[in-house]
Protein backbone atom coordinates (compact mmCIF):
# COMPACT_ATOMS: atom_id res chain seq x y z
CA MET A 1 -16.07 -2.52 2.31
CA ILE A 2 -12.82 -2.16 0.35
CA ARG A 3 -11.75 -4.08 -2.54
CA PHE A 4 -8.97 -4.16 -4.42
CA PHE A 5 -7.26 -5.92 -7.36
CA VAL A 6 -3.70 -7.10 -7.19
CA PHE A 7 -1.03 -8.58 -9.64
CA SER A 8 2.80 -8.65 -9.99
CA ASP A 9 5.49 -9.66 -12.17
CA LEU A 10 3.96 -9.19 -15.75
CA HIS A 11 7.16 -8.91 -17.56
CA HIS A 12 5.43 -7.49 -20.51
CA GLY A 13 8.33 -8.11 -23.49
CA GLU A 14 10.50 -10.91 -21.46
CA VAL A 15 8.13 -13.83 -22.32
CA GLU A 16 5.27 -12.15 -24.34
CA SER A 17 4.61 -9.31 -26.03
CA ASP A 18 1.28 -9.47 -27.89
CA GLY A 19 -1.16 -8.03 -24.83
CA ARG A 20 -2.85 -10.96 -24.22
CA ARG A 21 -2.00 -10.91 -20.41
CA VAL A 22 -2.62 -7.13 -19.97
CA ALA A 23 -6.13 -7.80 -21.73
CA GLU A 24 -6.84 -11.00 -19.03
CA LEU A 25 -6.12 -8.61 -16.21
CA THR A 26 -7.73 -5.92 -17.16
CA ALA A 27 -11.10 -8.04 -18.01
CA ARG A 28 -10.90 -9.67 -14.69
CA ALA A 29 -10.46 -6.21 -12.73
CA ARG A 30 -13.29 -5.08 -14.38
CA GLU A 31 -15.34 -8.31 -13.65
CA GLN A 32 -14.31 -7.59 -9.68
CA LYS A 33 -15.18 -3.66 -9.98
CA PRO A 34 -12.25 -3.05 -7.41
CA ASP A 35 -12.15 0.38 -5.75
CA PHE A 36 -8.01 0.42 -6.58
CA ILE A 37 -5.65 -1.93 -8.85
CA ILE A 38 -2.08 -1.74 -7.84
CA SER A 39 0.74 -3.54 -9.48
CA LEU A 40 3.45 -4.93 -7.24
CA GLY A 41 6.29 -4.45 -9.75
CA ASP A 42 8.53 -5.59 -12.69
CA LEU A 43 5.44 -4.62 -14.80
CA CYS A 44 7.74 -3.56 -18.33
CA PRO A 45 10.52 -1.82 -19.32
CA PRO A 46 9.72 1.87 -18.80
CA VAL A 47 9.94 2.93 -22.33
CA GLU A 48 7.55 4.79 -24.59
CA GLU A 49 6.41 2.37 -26.45
CA ASN A 50 5.03 0.37 -23.39
CA ARG A 51 2.72 3.55 -22.12
CA TRP A 52 -0.36 1.47 -23.60
CA ILE A 53 -0.29 -0.79 -20.68
CA LEU A 54 -0.44 2.33 -18.05
CA ARG A 55 -3.32 3.43 -20.30
CA GLU A 56 -5.27 -0.36 -20.28
CA LEU A 57 -4.84 -0.66 -16.67
CA GLU A 58 -6.29 3.19 -16.27
CA SER A 59 -9.11 2.17 -18.57
CA VAL A 60 -10.89 0.22 -15.64
CA GLY A 61 -11.80 3.55 -14.30
CA VAL A 62 -10.27 3.12 -11.08
CA PRO A 63 -7.05 4.31 -9.58
CA VAL A 64 -4.06 2.36 -10.50
CA TYR A 65 -0.81 2.48 -8.25
CA HIS A 66 2.85 1.05 -8.85
CA THR A 67 5.72 -0.68 -7.06
CA VAL A 68 9.15 -0.30 -8.26
CA GLY A 69 10.45 -4.12 -8.69
CA ASN A 70 14.21 -4.93 -9.16
CA HIS A 71 13.65 -5.79 -12.86
CA ASP A 72 11.98 -2.36 -13.68
CA THR A 73 15.39 -0.80 -13.11
CA ASP A 74 17.87 -3.53 -15.49
CA ARG A 75 18.08 -0.78 -17.89
CA HIS A 76 16.69 2.33 -16.40
CA THR A 77 17.27 4.60 -13.45
CA LEU A 78 15.07 4.70 -10.84
CA ALA A 79 14.01 8.22 -11.40
CA GLU A 80 13.32 7.01 -15.32
CA VAL A 81 11.21 4.12 -13.62
CA MET A 82 8.93 6.99 -11.53
CA ASP A 83 8.63 9.33 -14.22
CA PHE A 84 7.09 6.23 -16.20
CA LEU A 85 5.06 5.32 -13.87
CA GLY A 86 4.11 8.61 -12.28
CA LEU A 87 4.97 8.33 -9.02
CA LYS A 88 6.06 11.55 -7.25
CA ARG A 89 8.09 9.20 -4.54
CA PRO A 90 9.75 5.57 -5.01
CA TYR A 91 7.74 5.03 -1.68
CA TYR A 92 4.67 6.42 -0.64
CA SER A 93 0.98 5.90 0.72
CA PHE A 94 -2.38 6.58 -0.17
CA GLU A 95 -5.97 5.88 1.68
CA SER A 96 -8.81 4.17 0.41
CA GLY A 97 -12.31 2.98 2.57
CA GLY A 98 -10.42 4.42 5.87
CA VAL A 99 -7.77 2.19 5.54
CA LYS A 100 -3.89 3.00 4.99
CA PHE A 101 -2.08 1.56 1.98
CA ILE A 102 1.24 1.66 2.33
CA VAL A 103 3.74 1.38 -0.75
CA LEU A 104 7.48 0.00 0.34
CA ASN A 105 10.35 0.32 -2.21
CA THR A 106 12.43 -2.31 -1.59
CA CYS A 107 14.96 -1.83 -4.54
CA TYR A 108 18.16 -0.67 -3.29
CA ILE A 109 21.69 -2.35 -2.09
CA TYR A 110 24.01 -1.88 0.56
CA ARG A 111 27.51 -1.35 -0.16
CA GLU A 112 30.49 -0.08 1.24
CA GLY A 113 28.17 1.95 3.67
CA ASP A 114 25.77 3.44 1.00
CA PHE A 115 22.18 2.59 0.11
CA ILE A 116 22.28 2.57 -3.37
CA PRO A 117 19.23 2.43 -5.75
CA LEU A 118 19.02 -0.70 -8.26
CA TYR A 119 20.53 -0.06 -11.82
CA GLY A 120 22.02 -2.08 -14.20
CA ARG A 121 21.24 -5.19 -12.35
CA ASN A 122 24.09 -3.91 -9.78
CA TYR A 123 22.66 -6.37 -7.30
CA LYS A 124 24.57 -9.45 -9.24
CA GLU A 125 27.44 -7.78 -7.03
CA ARG A 126 26.61 -10.14 -4.15
CA GLY A 127 29.91 -12.10 -4.63
CA ASP A 128 31.21 -8.31 -2.86
CA SER A 129 30.81 -9.18 0.94
CA SER A 130 29.90 -5.45 1.05
CA VAL A 131 26.98 -6.12 -0.46
CA ARG A 132 23.49 -6.38 0.89
CA TYR A 133 20.21 -6.89 -1.46
CA PRO A 134 17.55 -5.98 -1.00
CA VAL A 135 17.54 -3.41 1.29
CA LEU A 136 15.53 -0.71 3.04
CA PRO A 137 17.48 2.50 3.47
CA PRO A 138 17.20 3.99 7.16
CA GLU A 139 15.15 7.18 5.90
CA GLU A 140 12.58 4.63 4.34
CA LEU A 141 12.53 2.82 7.81
CA ASP A 142 11.87 5.79 9.60
CA TRP A 143 9.26 6.99 7.43
CA LEU A 144 7.52 3.57 7.83
CA SER A 145 7.37 3.94 11.36
CA VAL A 146 5.62 7.41 11.20
CA GLU A 147 3.18 6.11 8.40
CA LEU A 148 2.53 3.21 10.59
CA ASP A 149 1.83 5.48 13.79
CA CYS A 150 -1.44 6.85 12.15
CA GLY A 151 -3.91 5.45 14.42
CA LYS A 152 -5.48 3.28 11.13
CA SER A 153 -5.29 -0.12 9.74
CA CYS A 154 -2.45 -0.57 7.31
CA VAL A 155 -1.89 -2.98 4.37
CA VAL A 156 1.64 -2.75 3.13
CA PHE A 157 3.00 -3.58 -0.13
CA SER A 158 6.38 -4.35 -1.26
CA HIS A 159 8.31 -6.27 -4.36
CA HIS A 160 10.31 -8.11 -1.95
CA SER A 161 9.16 -10.21 0.50
CA LEU A 162 9.27 -8.93 4.15
CA ILE A 163 8.97 -13.02 5.39
CA ASN A 164 11.11 -14.96 2.99
CA ASP A 165 14.12 -15.38 4.28
CA PHE A 166 15.31 -17.79 1.22
CA PRO A 167 18.82 -16.54 0.62
CA GLY A 168 18.41 -13.70 -1.73
CA ARG A 169 15.01 -13.29 -2.21
CA GLY A 170 13.86 -11.65 0.98
CA VAL A 171 14.93 -7.92 2.22
CA CYS A 172 17.86 -7.97 4.46
CA GLY A 173 17.30 -7.77 7.84
CA GLN A 174 13.52 -8.23 7.37
CA ALA A 175 13.04 -9.36 11.12
CA GLY A 176 13.98 -5.69 12.24
CA VAL A 177 11.35 -4.57 9.37
CA ARG A 178 8.60 -6.80 10.92
CA GLU A 179 9.60 -5.41 14.55
CA ARG A 180 8.09 -2.27 13.33
CA PHE A 181 4.81 -3.64 12.93
CA ARG A 182 4.47 -4.60 16.62
CA GLY A 183 1.91 -2.56 18.61
CA ARG A 184 0.24 -1.28 15.12
CA ASP A 185 -2.90 -2.54 12.95
CA VAL A 186 -1.30 -4.22 10.04
CA LEU A 187 -4.07 -6.37 8.29
CA LEU A 188 -2.01 -7.70 5.78
CA CYS A 189 1.48 -7.51 3.91
CA MET A 190 1.62 -8.51 0.12
CA ASN A 191 4.70 -8.88 -2.10
CA GLY A 192 5.56 -10.02 -5.59
CA ASN A 193 9.24 -10.73 -6.92
CA ASP A 194 9.34 -14.53 -5.82
CA HIS A 195 7.08 -16.09 -8.96
CA GLY A 196 5.46 -18.52 -6.44
CA ASP A 197 2.55 -19.04 -4.26
CA ASP A 198 3.03 -18.81 -0.59
CA PHE A 199 1.34 -17.41 2.73
CA ARG A 200 2.29 -17.38 6.22
CA VAL A 201 1.39 -15.35 9.32
CA ALA A 202 4.06 -14.07 11.79
CA GLU A 203 3.04 -12.30 15.24
CA GLY A 204 -0.76 -12.24 13.81
CA VAL A 205 0.68 -10.37 10.47
CA PRO A 206 -0.63 -12.18 7.15
CA TYR A 207 2.23 -12.14 4.35
CA TYR A 208 0.66 -13.33 1.06
CA LEU A 209 3.03 -13.61 -1.71
CA VAL A 210 1.34 -12.73 -5.27
CA ASN A 211 2.61 -15.07 -7.93
CA SER A 212 3.56 -13.70 -11.21
CA ALA A 213 1.02 -12.63 -13.89
CA SER A 214 3.32 -14.34 -16.61
CA TYR A 215 5.41 -17.34 -15.50
CA MET A 216 7.38 -19.02 -12.88
CA TRP A 217 11.30 -19.69 -13.06
CA CYS A 218 12.83 -22.89 -12.18
CA GLU A 219 16.17 -23.37 -13.73
CA SER A 220 14.36 -22.16 -16.95
CA ILE A 221 11.30 -19.96 -17.91
CA VAL A 222 8.08 -21.91 -17.45
CA ARG A 223 4.92 -19.54 -18.59
CA TYR A 224 1.47 -19.83 -16.88
CA LYS A 225 -1.60 -20.57 -19.45
CA ASN A 226 -3.15 -17.38 -17.77
CA ALA A 227 -2.50 -14.06 -16.43
CA LEU A 228 -2.39 -14.88 -12.44
CA SER A 229 -3.99 -11.94 -10.47
CA VAL A 230 -5.87 -11.66 -6.71
CA CYS A 231 -8.79 -9.68 -5.83
CA VAL A 232 -9.02 -9.15 -1.86
CA GLU A 233 -12.26 -7.50 -0.19
CA MET A 234 -11.94 -6.02 3.21
CA ASP A 235 -14.59 -5.28 6.14
CA ARG A 236 -14.36 -5.18 9.75
CA GLN A 237 -14.83 -8.77 10.33
CA GLU A 238 -12.11 -10.42 7.65
CA LEU A 239 -9.91 -10.20 4.68
CA ARG A 240 -11.25 -12.59 1.98
CA ILE A 241 -8.15 -13.24 -0.89
CA SER A 242 -9.86 -14.80 -4.28
CA GLY A 243 -7.19 -16.40 -5.90
CA MET A 244 -7.45 -18.73 -9.13
CA GLU A 245 -6.19 -21.55 -10.91
CA SER A 246 -4.05 -21.96 -13.99
CA GLY A 247 -1.65 -24.48 -15.71
CA TYR A 248 1.57 -24.33 -17.18
CA ILE A 249 2.28 -23.42 -21.13
CA THR A 250 5.34 -25.37 -21.10
CA GLU A 251 5.80 -28.14 -18.31
CA ALA A 252 8.67 -29.58 -16.29
CA PRO A 253 10.88 -31.50 -18.98
CA GLU A 254 12.10 -34.24 -16.19
CA ASP A 255 8.96 -35.19 -14.21
CA GLY A 256 6.20 -33.12 -15.27
CA LYS A 257 5.64 -32.61 -11.22
CA LEU A 258 6.83 -28.71 -11.01
CA GLY A 259 4.06 -27.34 -9.26
CA GLU A 260 4.75 -29.65 -6.16
CA ARG A 261 8.18 -28.08 -5.92
CA ILE A 262 9.60 -25.45 -3.46
CA TRP A 263 12.14 -22.92 -5.29
CA ASN A 264 13.67 -19.89 -3.87
CA GLY A 265 11.79 -20.72 -0.27
CA VAL A 266 7.83 -20.51 -1.72
CA GLY A 267 5.97 -23.00 -3.87
CA ILE A 268 5.77 -22.58 -7.39
CA ALA A 269 1.99 -24.16 -8.54
CA PRO A 270 0.38 -22.23 -11.17
CA ARG A 271 -2.04 -20.86 -8.88
CA THR A 272 -2.80 -17.42 -6.63
CA SER A 273 -4.43 -19.37 -3.64
CA SER A 274 -7.82 -17.74 -1.93
CA TYR A 275 -7.74 -17.47 1.74
CA THR A 276 -10.35 -15.78 4.23
CA ILE A 277 -8.29 -14.22 7.12
CA LYS A 278 -9.66 -13.09 10.19
CA ARG A 279 -8.23 -11.06 13.21
CA GLN A 280 -5.29 -12.70 14.34
CA THR A 281 -6.09 -15.86 12.74
CA ALA A 282 -5.99 -17.15 8.97
CA GLY A 283 -7.81 -20.05 7.63
CA LYS A 284 -7.30 -21.32 3.55
CA GLU A 285 -10.38 -22.09 1.92
């Protein structure tokens, strides 16, 4: 059996800087005893004073993997983000328990024929009809196909969704990305970015959105009471995603029914839902 701990969109320093959420994440990870931890992006500004967050995660005593998020590059280049996170490549793979885990970098824009890494919120240029965001460069797509042709079961991680087609949220040309999964043994795709709780299955592949560890955004920031995360267990029969329930520190000012809404194409309840996923099927607990 393989067990791994996943969280996303901590945004340390954006809404809170006291370290409470980092402590909650590491405490839950220790309880779950995972084989590894993965962050799905937007962890914190990649500056020296935040290196303690990396050390705290590493103190759990298992490998920690990172995904590049769009806000990681708000004020820093991709090279600076990679240096902070200790990444040799912006997209990469690793193996654990005989399963290949593929980590994509979806943080590129397409403009005037070029695929450009995000920097300084250049994705805000969407008013230009030549700009598409987020996208996967052709060389990364080719690399993905090679990685999938490994004869192993695979799990795919990304910051942006490969299934949410709400404008400006999921990867552009995502159907073409999903096409590459056909005939391959893709057990699960997990992403962050959308600050919500969502689960879908397309052509037998489950797609799970990991809610933000800190807050949802619906015209304003609404913080969660707890640092949300999930733990995933995998064996030969099924995958078990163990989520958690939380609440809001601040509530929707107009009607108090924020958790019942859909925003940017996904549900925004303060939770990470739990699922048991069997081969080709999925059932919510």
